[in-house]
Protein backbone atom coordinates (compact mmCIF):
# COMPACT_ATOMS: atom_id res chain seq x y z
CA MET A 1 0.00 0.00 0.00
CA THR A 2 1.05 3.54 -0.70
CA PHE A 3 -0.35 6.53 1.20
CA GLU A 4 -0.45 10.02 -0.31
CA ALA A 5 -1.91 13.41 0.61
CA GLU A 6 -2.33 16.79 -1.02
CA CYS A 7 -3.40 20.11 0.42
CA LEU A 8 -6.82 21.38 -0.65
CA HIS A 9 -5.66 25.00 -0.36
CA CYS A 10 -2.35 25.02 -2.26
CA LYS A 11 -0.19 22.75 -4.42
CA TRP A 12 1.65 21.10 -1.50
CA THR A 13 1.86 17.28 -1.52
CA ALA A 14 3.22 14.83 1.01
CA THR A 15 5.94 12.41 0.03
CA PRO A 16 4.23 9.09 -0.82
CA ALA A 17 5.00 6.42 1.79
CA THR A 18 4.10 2.90 2.82
CA ASP A 19 3.54 4.22 6.36
CA GLY A 20 0.29 6.20 6.67
CA ALA A 21 1.44 7.77 9.94
CA ALA A 22 4.43 9.36 8.19
CA VAL A 23 2.07 11.05 5.72
CA ASP A 24 -0.12 12.22 8.63
CA VAL A 25 2.93 13.83 10.27
CA GLU A 26 3.77 15.65 7.04
CA CYS A 27 0.18 16.96 6.86
CA MET A 28 0.33 18.17 10.46
CA SER A 29 3.66 19.90 9.77
CA HIS A 30 2.18 21.59 6.71
CA THR A 31 -0.78 22.77 8.81
CA GLY A 32 1.62 24.20 11.39
CA ARG A 33 3.54 26.14 8.75
CA SER A 34 0.64 27.28 6.56
CA GLY A 35 -2.54 27.08 8.64
CA HIS A 36 -4.12 24.93 5.90
CA LYS A 37 -6.35 22.27 7.46
CA GLY A 38 -7.86 20.32 4.53
CA PHE A 39 -6.15 17.45 2.74
CA ARG A 40 -7.12 14.89 0.12
CA ARG A 41 -5.77 11.50 1.17
CA VAL A 42 -5.29 8.51 -1.11
CA CYS A 43 -4.41 4.93 -0.25
CA THR A 44 -3.42 2.80 -3.23
CA SER A 45 -2.81 -0.93 -3.25
CA PHE A 46 -1.41 -3.01 -6.07
CA ALA A 47 -1.96 -6.63 -7.02
CA MET A 48 0.18 -8.84 -9.21
CA VAL A 49 -1.60 -11.64 -11.01
CA VAL A 50 0.52 -14.65 -11.98
CA ARG A 51 -0.91 -17.13 -14.41
CA ASP A 52 -0.67 -20.73 -13.25
CA GLU A 53 0.37 -22.86 -16.20
């Protein structure tokens, strides 16, 4: 899984990470610096399908 976030008020984005808490910390730091409180969060998972022959 990969967690991502982007600010709803500017073009800031968090560094994508496999640890959701790390992305949360980046969002909180951005709020502290900018006062922006809204974020769009995305969690993406990937699947690999292997054909059994």
